[in-house]
């Protein structure tokens, strides 16, 4: 897989193959990015696809489709394979087109016919590719792999078109996922935007998974960020987290930024990196730290955030343990402002206050709340966030977070809802009010919560 990555980078192409047939089990792999992706977005898409490969093992065959790229490996040479009836698949949107269904269906048929014809005839540096729009009602995209040839592309897209038109209409969206091509139609323009759906299939019935993936409008060169942080000089270090170190940096335009330097020692960290990029890149709120971009082309992956000058809340509540600095006391007005700001940021993540998303943070704590020059709160560190569909009551997921801030029911059942964040926020409020850590030993109590609970029942003062 590293060989494929090297080809994409060194040859500045969006297609690569690799084979190894002198081993006990022959190995063949292919990556094809869609032609509407930039070279950097192609690398991002491929890197995201790679993180899903462990789900396919130990299968000897796997396909990963994203709305942006396709990755496949086999134990035989499949490069010219255009269709595979036993494995080729399709997906349809969940909602039917509202209103003028007949007009929409006719527009889709025309767009699909147009794009399949043009793509098969337009061999270029990024394979056979085409897009089509009909009256602002229907949009379509087709991509064949470079290796299938014009005839193979024509056969593949012909069968793909028949499937999406025959099986998906009048639904608002349809995708065909074939051995040698990809075809999608929608009622909104999707090419050149984010919204990447991933579908992973393997020969041993490993199923399907769907995620979203947003292409950043601002991608940074590794060398630029390296120079911005004085080559990650320790004097520029702002803090250390579980997944990496954060440095202050100055860009060529004199903008001050925070650069999060990640070293992926586990596949989980790779997931966290793309989780932050995928879900947070398009979110903007005054109480959320803004993600400005990322870099994946160097020896390590980097995230670039807005710089928040007053660092994290825990340093003001409990002092900086590393530098043994004196605690700066926050006034009650400032503490209230922090509580309100963190609450507003969390409400926005949860889909309130006009938010276009519904996200659970999973790691609300004092060290993940940053303070700007006016001591306004900004929630940070989105490596553990999970997208929460509007139609779901909970998510069943692995346990993640920080002990002391995690809701008991989440720890016991593993069922994730917004209430997990609300519980963590409650612990945070207690820390802000008391000035004590959640795990502090207070009298005969082993934690702040144990000390506070009897006082709540007695309606007594916490301090």
Protein backbone atom coordinates (compact mmCIF):
# COMPACT_ATOMS: atom_id res chain seq x y z
CA UNK A 1 0.00 0.00 0.00
CA UNK A 2 2.95 2.34 0.58
CA UNK A 3 3.99 1.64 -3.01
CA UNK A 4 0.63 2.92 -4.27
CA UNK A 5 1.00 6.05 -2.17
CA UNK A 6 4.49 6.67 -3.52
CA UNK A 7 3.23 6.37 -7.10
CA UNK A 8 0.46 8.89 -6.48
CA UNK A 9 2.90 11.36 -4.94
CA UNK A 10 5.89 10.89 -7.24
CA UNK A 11 3.99 10.63 -10.51
CA UNK A 12 1.37 13.25 -9.55
CA UNK A 13 -1.31 10.96 -10.95
CA UNK A 14 -4.67 9.75 -9.68
CA UNK A 15 -4.27 6.11 -10.65
CA UNK A 16 -1.76 3.46 -9.55
CA UNK A 17 -1.38 -0.32 -9.47
CA UNK A 18 0.98 -2.66 -7.65
CA UNK A 19 1.48 -6.41 -7.74
CA UNK A 20 3.60 -8.93 -5.89
CA UNK A 21 3.43 -12.43 -7.37
CA UNK A 22 6.59 -14.03 -6.01
CA UNK A 23 5.06 -14.76 -2.62
CA UNK A 24 2.96 -17.69 -1.40
CA UNK A 25 -0.20 -15.65 -2.00
CA UNK A 26 -0.11 -13.33 -5.04
CA UNK A 27 -1.11 -9.74 -4.30
CA UNK A 28 -2.57 -7.16 -6.70
CA UNK A 29 -3.80 -3.68 -5.72
CA UNK A 30 -5.30 -0.67 -7.51
CA UNK A 31 -6.22 2.90 -6.52
CA UNK A 32 -8.25 5.24 -8.76
CA UNK A 33 -9.22 8.78 -7.74
CA UNK A 34 -12.03 10.65 -9.45
CA UNK A 35 -10.86 13.26 -11.92
CA UNK A 36 -12.63 16.11 -10.10
CA UNK A 37 -10.33 15.71 -7.08
CA UNK A 38 -7.18 17.76 -6.69
CA UNK A 39 -3.95 15.82 -6.20
CA UNK A 40 -3.99 16.60 -2.48
CA UNK A 41 -7.62 15.52 -2.14
CA UNK A 42 -6.72 12.31 -3.97
CA UNK A 43 -4.03 11.59 -1.37
CA UNK A 44 -6.48 12.38 1.43
CA UNK A 45 -9.07 10.05 -0.06
CA UNK A 46 -6.54 7.23 -0.50
CA UNK A 47 -5.25 7.68 3.04
CA UNK A 48 -8.82 7.50 4.38
CA UNK A 49 -9.47 4.33 2.37
CA UNK A 50 -6.31 2.70 3.73
CA UNK A 51 -7.51 3.10 7.30
CA UNK A 52 -10.43 0.77 6.52
CA UNK A 53 -8.36 -2.12 5.17
CA UNK A 54 -7.95 -3.84 8.57
CA UNK A 55 -11.72 -4.43 8.56
CA UNK A 56 -11.32 -6.58 5.46
CA UNK A 57 -8.52 -8.80 6.73
CA UNK A 58 -7.91 -11.71 6.57
CA UNK A 59 -10.02 -11.70 3.39
CA UNK A 60 -7.99 -12.20 0.21
CA UNK A 61 -10.21 -9.76 -1.68
CA UNK A 62 -11.56 -6.32 -0.82
CA UNK A 63 -13.09 -3.26 -2.48
CA UNK A 64 -13.42 0.17 -0.87
CA UNK A 65 -15.59 2.72 -2.66
CA UNK A 66 -15.66 6.38 -1.70
CA UNK A 67 -17.31 9.31 -3.45
CA UNK A 68 -13.84 10.35 -4.53
CA UNK A 69 -11.74 7.23 -4.96
CA UNK A 70 -11.72 3.43 -5.24
CA UNK A 71 -9.25 1.00 -3.64
CA UNK A 72 -9.15 -2.73 -4.34
CA UNK A 73 -6.87 -5.68 -3.69
CA UNK A 74 -7.07 -9.31 -4.86
CA UNK A 75 -4.99 -12.47 -5.11
CA UNK A 76 -5.28 -12.37 -8.93
CA UNK A 77 -4.83 -9.78 -11.67
CA UNK A 78 -8.13 -7.93 -11.99
CA UNK A 79 -7.01 -4.67 -13.60
CA UNK A 80 -9.00 -5.12 -16.84
CA UNK A 81 -12.09 -6.49 -15.10
CA UNK A 82 -15.02 -4.18 -15.84
CA UNK A 83 -17.96 -6.05 -14.30
CA UNK A 84 -18.32 -8.76 -11.70
CA UNK A 85 -22.00 -9.74 -11.41
CA UNK A 86 -21.55 -11.70 -8.19
CA UNK A 87 -20.04 -8.76 -6.32
CA UNK A 88 -21.09 -5.57 -8.16
CA UNK A 89 -23.48 -3.57 -6.00
CA UNK A 90 -25.61 -0.44 -5.80
CA UNK A 91 -27.02 1.89 -3.12
CA UNK A 92 -30.05 4.16 -3.24
CA UNK A 93 -30.97 7.22 -1.20
CA UNK A 94 -33.48 6.74 1.60
CA UNK A 95 -35.95 9.44 0.56
CA UNK A 96 -38.06 9.68 -2.59
CA UNK A 97 -37.91 12.88 -4.61
CA UNK A 98 -40.55 15.34 -3.43
CA UNK A 99 -43.01 16.92 -5.84
CA UNK A 100 -42.37 16.55 -9.55
CA UNK A 101 -41.22 12.92 -9.56
CA UNK A 102 -41.78 12.41 -13.28
CA UNK A 103 -39.72 15.46 -14.26
CA UNK A 104 -36.94 14.43 -11.86
CA UNK A 105 -36.87 10.85 -13.17
CA UNK A 106 -36.71 12.02 -16.78
CA UNK A 107 -33.90 14.45 -15.91
CA UNK A 108 -31.95 11.70 -14.17
CA UNK A 109 -32.32 9.37 -17.14
CA UNK A 110 -31.04 12.05 -19.48
CA UNK A 111 -28.13 12.98 -17.18
CA UNK A 112 -27.10 9.35 -16.67
CA UNK A 113 -27.26 8.59 -20.40
CA UNK A 114 -25.24 11.71 -21.14
CA UNK A 115 -22.55 11.10 -18.55
CA UNK A 116 -22.07 7.41 -19.38
CA UNK A 117 -21.70 8.18 -23.07
CA UNK A 118 -19.25 11.06 -22.52
CA UNK A 119 -17.16 9.30 -19.87
CA UNK A 120 -16.60 6.23 -22.05
CA UNK A 121 -15.39 8.48 -24.86
CA UNK A 122 -13.19 10.79 -22.78
CA UNK A 123 -10.07 8.82 -21.90
CA UNK A 124 -7.62 11.14 -20.14
CA UNK A 125 -4.93 11.30 -17.50
CA UNK A 126 -7.43 10.36 -14.80
CA UNK A 127 -9.20 7.54 -16.57
CA UNK A 128 -12.63 7.82 -18.17
CA UNK A 129 -14.59 10.55 -16.41
CA UNK A 130 -17.61 12.77 -16.95
CA UNK A 131 -20.21 14.88 -15.15
CA UNK A 132 -23.64 16.08 -16.29
CA UNK A 133 -26.34 18.50 -15.13
CA UNK A 134 -29.91 18.74 -16.37
CA UNK A 135 -31.90 21.88 -15.61
CA UNK A 136 -30.61 22.22 -12.06
CA UNK A 137 -32.74 19.17 -11.16
CA UNK A 138 -30.42 16.23 -11.73
CA UNK A 139 -26.66 15.76 -11.51
CA UNK A 140 -24.55 12.74 -12.46
CA UNK A 141 -20.92 11.63 -12.30
CA UNK A 142 -19.21 8.64 -13.92
CA UNK A 143 -15.66 7.35 -13.45
CA UNK A 144 -14.02 4.26 -14.95
CA UNK A 145 -10.63 2.96 -13.87
CA UNK A 146 -7.83 3.72 -16.32
CA UNK A 147 -6.99 0.03 -16.71
CA UNK A 148 -10.35 -1.19 -18.06
CA UNK A 149 -10.07 0.50 -21.47
CA UNK A 150 -12.77 2.21 -23.52
CA UNK A 151 -14.76 -0.95 -24.30
CA UNK A 152 -14.62 -2.11 -20.70
CA UNK A 153 -15.72 1.33 -19.51
CA UNK A 154 -18.65 1.36 -21.93
CA UNK A 155 -19.78 -2.08 -20.74
CA UNK A 156 -19.37 -1.20 -17.07
CA UNK A 157 -21.21 2.13 -17.22
CA UNK A 158 -23.95 0.65 -19.39
CA UNK A 159 -24.78 -1.90 -16.71
CA UNK A 160 -24.33 0.68 -13.95
CA UNK A 161 -26.78 3.05 -15.64
CA UNK A 162 -29.38 0.32 -16.03
CA UNK A 163 -29.12 -0.50 -12.33
CA UNK A 164 -29.39 3.01 -10.88
CA UNK A 165 -32.19 4.04 -13.24
CA UNK A 166 -34.10 0.80 -12.85
CA UNK A 167 -33.59 0.21 -9.13
CA UNK A 168 -33.15 3.65 -7.51
CA UNK A 169 -35.58 6.05 -9.21
CA UNK A 170 -37.51 8.02 -8.03
CA UNK A 171 -35.23 8.21 -5.00
CA UNK A 172 -33.13 11.35 -4.78
CA UNK A 173 -29.83 9.55 -5.08
CA UNK A 174 -28.38 6.40 -6.57
CA UNK A 175 -24.92 4.82 -6.87
CA UNK A 176 -23.61 1.88 -8.86
CA UNK A 177 -20.46 0.22 -7.51
CA UNK A 178 -18.99 -2.02 -10.19
CA UNK A 179 -15.67 -3.78 -10.66
CA UNK A 180 -14.42 -1.24 -13.19
CA UNK A 181 -16.48 1.90 -12.66
CA UNK A 182 -18.52 4.12 -10.37
CA UNK A 183 -21.73 5.97 -11.27
CA UNK A 184 -23.79 8.35 -9.14
CA UNK A 185 -26.80 10.60 -9.66
CA UNK A 186 -28.34 13.07 -7.19
CA UNK A 187 -30.82 15.93 -6.96
CA UNK A 188 -28.02 18.29 -5.83
CA UNK A 189 -24.56 19.07 -7.14
CA UNK A 190 -22.10 16.83 -5.32
CA UNK A 191 -18.96 16.77 -7.44
CA UNK A 192 -16.28 19.15 -6.28
CA UNK A 193 -17.81 19.16 -2.78
CA UNK A 194 -17.48 16.96 0.32
CA UNK A 195 -19.94 14.23 1.32
CA UNK A 196 -17.92 11.14 0.55
CA UNK A 197 -19.74 7.89 1.18
CA UNK A 198 -17.50 4.94 1.86
CA UNK A 199 -18.51 1.38 1.11
CA UNK A 200 -16.22 -1.47 2.07
CA UNK A 201 -16.79 -4.97 0.71
CA UNK A 202 -14.76 -8.11 1.14
CA UNK A 203 -15.08 -11.64 -0.20
CA UNK A 204 -15.81 -13.02 3.23
CA UNK A 205 -19.02 -11.06 3.73
CA UNK A 206 -17.55 -8.29 5.85
CA UNK A 207 -20.46 -6.00 5.08
CA UNK A 208 -20.70 -2.27 4.42
CA UNK A 209 -19.79 0.84 6.38
CA UNK A 210 -20.72 4.45 5.65
CA UNK A 211 -18.94 7.62 6.77
CA UNK A 212 -18.64 11.20 5.60
CA UNK A 213 -15.47 12.83 4.39
CA UNK A 214 -15.15 16.54 3.70
CA UNK A 215 -12.48 17.88 1.38
CA UNK A 216 -10.70 20.81 2.96
CA UNK A 217 -10.58 24.03 1.03
CA UNK A 218 -7.22 24.77 2.65
CA UNK A 219 -4.48 22.16 2.61
CA UNK A 220 -1.03 23.06 3.91
CA UNK A 221 2.34 21.94 2.67
CA UNK A 222 4.35 20.08 5.29
CA UNK A 223 7.38 22.32 4.68
CA UNK A 224 5.28 25.43 5.35
CA UNK A 225 4.15 24.16 8.75
CA UNK A 226 7.62 22.89 9.56
CA UNK A 227 9.06 26.38 9.04
CA UNK A 228 6.10 28.00 10.81
CA UNK A 229 6.92 26.11 14.02
CA UNK A 230 10.70 26.57 13.68
CA UNK A 231 10.94 22.88 12.78
CA UNK A 232 8.80 21.90 15.79
CA UNK A 233 11.14 23.57 18.24
CA UNK A 234 10.30 22.62 21.83
CA UNK A 235 10.17 26.31 22.73
CA UNK A 236 7.08 26.49 20.47
CA UNK A 237 5.30 23.67 22.27
CA UNK A 238 1.86 24.59 23.61
CA UNK A 239 0.79 21.27 25.04
CA UNK A 240 0.78 17.50 24.84
CA UNK A 241 -2.28 15.36 24.20
CA UNK A 242 -2.99 11.67 23.91
CA UNK A 243 -2.65 11.70 20.11
CA UNK A 244 0.11 14.24 19.63
CA UNK A 245 1.80 17.53 20.48
CA UNK A 246 0.55 21.04 19.72
CA UNK A 247 2.93 23.82 18.62
CA UNK A 248 2.43 27.52 18.01
CA UNK A 249 3.32 28.60 14.50
CA UNK A 250 3.46 31.68 12.30
CA UNK A 251 2.42 31.32 8.66
CA UNK A 252 4.03 33.31 5.81
CA UNK A 253 1.08 35.77 5.97
CA UNK A 254 1.92 36.35 9.69
CA UNK A 255 -1.18 34.48 10.85
CA UNK A 256 -0.59 32.74 14.17
CA UNK A 257 -1.87 29.16 14.26
CA UNK A 258 -1.76 26.05 16.42
CA UNK A 259 -0.28 22.99 14.70
CA UNK A 260 -1.19 19.55 16.04
CA UNK A 261 1.54 17.04 15.22
CA UNK A 262 0.33 13.44 15.08
CA UNK A 263 2.38 10.28 14.91
CA UNK A 264 0.16 7.32 14.07
CA UNK A 265 1.38 4.46 16.22
CA UNK A 266 -2.00 2.73 16.01
CA UNK A 267 -4.82 2.49 13.49
CA UNK A 268 -7.05 4.16 16.08
CA UNK A 269 -5.01 7.35 15.82
CA UNK A 270 -5.41 7.31 12.05
CA UNK A 271 -9.17 7.07 12.60
CA UNK A 272 -9.01 10.04 14.99
CA UNK A 273 -7.14 12.17 12.47
CA UNK A 274 -9.69 11.65 9.73
CA UNK A 275 -12.50 11.96 12.25
CA UNK A 276 -11.38 15.51 13.03
CA UNK A 277 -10.92 16.41 9.36
CA UNK A 278 -14.19 14.79 8.25
CA UNK A 279 -16.61 16.19 10.78
CA UNK A 280 -15.15 19.48 11.98
CA UNK A 281 -13.74 21.11 8.85
CA UNK A 282 -17.06 22.70 7.89
CA UNK A 283 -18.24 23.73 11.37
CA UNK A 284 -17.92 27.34 12.51
CA UNK A 285 -19.08 28.63 15.90
CA UNK A 286 -17.61 31.21 18.24
CA UNK A 287 -17.30 28.63 21.02
CA UNK A 288 -15.60 25.93 18.94
CA UNK A 289 -11.94 25.99 17.94
CA UNK A 290 -11.82 26.36 14.17
CA UNK A 291 -9.98 23.78 12.07
CA UNK A 292 -8.13 25.66 9.33
CA UNK A 293 -6.70 22.73 7.40
CA UNK A 294 -4.30 19.81 7.43
CA UNK A 295 -1.20 18.30 5.86
CA UNK A 296 -0.76 14.62 5.00
CA UNK A 297 2.07 14.68 2.48
CA UNK A 298 5.01 14.77 4.88
CA UNK A 299 6.48 12.11 7.19
CA UNK A 300 3.68 12.76 9.68
CA UNK A 301 0.16 14.16 9.55
CA UNK A 302 -0.63 17.62 10.87
CA UNK A 303 -3.81 19.51 11.79
CA UNK A 304 -3.89 23.31 11.74
CA UNK A 305 -6.20 25.23 14.09
CA UNK A 306 -6.86 28.83 14.96
CA UNK A 307 -4.56 29.94 17.78
CA UNK A 308 -6.26 30.54 21.14
CA UNK A 309 -3.87 32.66 23.26
CA UNK A 310 -4.90 31.86 26.83
CA UNK A 311 -4.42 28.10 26.46
CA UNK A 312 -6.61 25.63 28.35
CA UNK A 313 -9.04 26.12 31.22
CA UNK A 314 -7.37 23.53 33.47
CA UNK A 315 -4.24 25.69 33.72
CA UNK A 316 -6.31 28.52 35.20
CA UNK A 317 -8.26 26.25 37.54
CA UNK A 318 -5.48 23.99 38.77
CA UNK A 319 -2.19 25.55 37.60
CA UNK A 320 0.32 24.37 35.00
CA UNK A 321 1.78 21.18 36.43
CA UNK A 322 4.70 21.12 33.98
CA UNK A 323 5.91 24.63 34.74
CA UNK A 324 4.61 24.78 38.33
CA UNK A 325 3.27 28.25 37.59
CA UNK A 326 1.09 30.10 40.02
CA UNK A 327 -2.64 29.61 39.53
CA UNK A 328 -4.32 32.67 37.98
CA UNK A 329 -7.65 33.03 39.74
CA UNK A 330 -10.67 33.48 37.50
CA UNK A 331 -13.37 35.83 38.75
CA UNK A 332 -16.90 34.54 39.22
CA UNK A 333 -17.98 36.58 36.21
CA UNK A 334 -15.27 34.95 34.10
CA UNK A 335 -16.21 31.49 35.35
CA UNK A 336 -19.85 32.07 34.48
CA UNK A 337 -18.82 33.29 31.04
CA UNK A 338 -16.78 30.10 30.51
CA UNK A 339 -19.71 27.90 31.58
CA UNK A 340 -22.15 29.69 29.26
CA UNK A 341 -19.71 29.66 26.33
CA UNK A 342 -18.93 25.95 26.69
CA UNK A 343 -22.67 25.22 26.94
CA UNK A 344 -23.39 27.15 23.73
CA UNK A 345 -20.59 25.38 21.86
CA UNK A 346 -21.82 22.00 23.06
CA UNK A 347 -25.42 22.81 22.11
CA UNK A 348 -24.24 23.68 18.60
CA UNK A 349 -22.39 20.37 18.31
CA UNK A 350 -25.57 18.60 19.39
CA UNK A 351 -27.52 20.08 16.49
CA UNK A 352 -29.15 23.05 18.22
CA UNK A 353 -28.93 26.80 17.51
CA UNK A 354 -29.07 26.37 13.75
CA UNK A 355 -26.32 23.76 13.55
CA UNK A 356 -26.25 21.67 10.34
CA UNK A 357 -24.78 18.68 12.18
CA UNK A 358 -25.46 16.49 15.18
CA UNK A 359 -22.20 15.46 16.83
CA UNK A 360 -21.22 13.97 20.18
CA UNK A 361 -17.82 15.17 21.44
CA UNK A 362 -17.14 12.30 23.92
CA UNK A 363 -14.24 14.08 25.68
CA UNK A 364 -15.53 17.26 27.30
CA UNK A 365 -13.08 18.21 30.08
CA UNK A 366 -11.20 21.23 31.38
CA UNK A 367 -8.08 20.60 29.29
CA UNK A 368 -10.22 20.53 26.13
CA UNK A 369 -11.72 23.96 26.79
CA UNK A 370 -9.47 26.77 25.54
CA UNK A 371 -9.75 30.44 26.53
CA UNK A 372 -9.23 33.35 24.15
CA UNK A 373 -7.84 36.78 25.06
CA UNK A 374 -11.21 37.77 26.58
CA UNK A 375 -11.55 34.45 28.44
CA UNK A 376 -14.30 33.21 26.16
CA UNK A 377 -14.52 29.41 26.05
CA UNK A 378 -13.76 27.39 22.91
CA UNK A 379 -14.20 23.62 22.86
CA UNK A 380 -11.24 21.80 21.29
CA UNK A 381 -9.88 18.31 20.44
CA UNK A 382 -12.40 16.55 18.21
CA UNK A 383 -10.53 13.28 17.74
CA UNK A 384 -13.23 11.22 19.47
CA UNK A 385 -16.32 12.91 18.02
CA UNK A 386 -19.08 10.78 16.52
CA UNK A 387 -21.69 11.85 14.00
CA UNK A 388 -25.23 11.21 15.24
CA UNK A 389 -27.97 10.78 12.63
CA UNK A 390 -31.23 12.65 13.18
CA UNK A 391 -33.15 9.37 12.97
CA UNK A 392 -31.16 7.62 15.72
CA UNK A 393 -31.82 7.52 19.46
CA UNK A 394 -28.32 6.30 20.36
CA UNK A 395 -25.08 4.89 18.97
CA UNK A 396 -23.59 1.58 20.08
CA UNK A 397 -19.86 2.20 20.12
CA UNK A 398 -16.64 1.39 21.89
CA UNK A 399 -16.01 3.22 25.14
CA UNK A 400 -13.85 6.34 24.74
CA UNK A 401 -13.23 9.43 26.82
CA UNK A 402 -11.56 10.41 30.08
CA UNK A 403 -12.23 8.60 33.35
CA UNK A 404 -13.97 10.91 35.80
CA UNK A 405 -15.90 12.70 33.07
CA UNK A 406 -17.64 9.68 31.56
CA UNK A 407 -21.32 8.98 32.27
CA UNK A 408 -21.89 5.71 34.22
CA UNK A 409 -24.59 4.46 31.83
CA UNK A 410 -22.26 4.99 28.87
CA UNK A 411 -19.49 3.07 30.63
CA UNK A 412 -21.84 0.19 31.48
CA UNK A 413 -23.92 -0.12 28.30
CA UNK A 414 -21.76 1.51 25.62
CA UNK A 415 -24.85 3.31 24.28
CA UNK A 416 -23.85 6.82 23.27
CA UNK A 417 -26.23 9.80 23.30
CA UNK A 418 -25.88 13.55 23.86
CA UNK A 419 -26.43 12.80 27.55
CA UNK A 420 -22.85 11.52 27.76
CA UNK A 421 -21.61 15.01 26.84
CA UNK A 422 -24.10 16.63 29.20
CA UNK A 423 -22.78 14.50 32.08
CA UNK A 424 -19.20 15.48 31.23
CA UNK A 425 -20.27 19.11 31.06
CA UNK A 426 -21.80 18.79 34.54
CA UNK A 427 -18.49 17.51 35.90
CA UNK A 428 -16.74 20.42 34.18
CA UNK A 429 -19.11 22.92 35.84
CA UNK A 430 -18.32 21.42 39.26
CA UNK A 431 -14.60 21.82 38.57
CA UNK A 432 -15.10 25.44 37.53
CA UNK A 433 -17.17 26.23 40.63
CA UNK A 434 -15.00 24.37 43.16
CA UNK A 435 -11.56 24.86 41.63
CA UNK A 436 -10.85 21.17 42.27
CA UNK A 437 -10.15 18.35 39.82
CA UNK A 438 -12.81 15.71 39.34
CA UNK A 439 -10.47 13.04 40.76
CA UNK A 440 -9.41 15.11 43.78
CA UNK A 441 -9.52 13.39 47.18
CA UNK A 442 -11.72 15.55 49.40
CA UNK A 443 -12.01 14.44 53.02
CA UNK A 444 -13.20 10.85 53.02
CA UNK A 445 -14.36 11.04 49.42
CA UNK A 446 -12.27 9.66 46.56
CA UNK A 447 -13.53 12.16 43.99
CA UNK A 448 -15.18 15.53 43.59
CA UNK A 449 -18.48 13.88 42.63
CA UNK A 450 -18.51 11.73 45.74
CA UNK A 451 -17.90 14.81 47.86
CA UNK A 452 -20.58 16.87 46.14
CA UNK A 453 -23.41 14.34 45.98
CA UNK A 454 -24.33 14.39 49.70
CA UNK A 455 -24.27 18.20 49.64
CA UNK A 456 -26.70 18.24 46.71
CA UNK A 457 -29.10 15.95 48.58
CA UNK A 458 -28.84 18.24 51.63
CA UNK A 459 -29.13 21.41 49.51
CA UNK A 460 -25.86 22.60 51.08
CA UNK A 461 -23.17 24.80 49.58
CA UNK A 462 -20.57 23.03 47.48
CA UNK A 463 -17.68 25.28 48.46
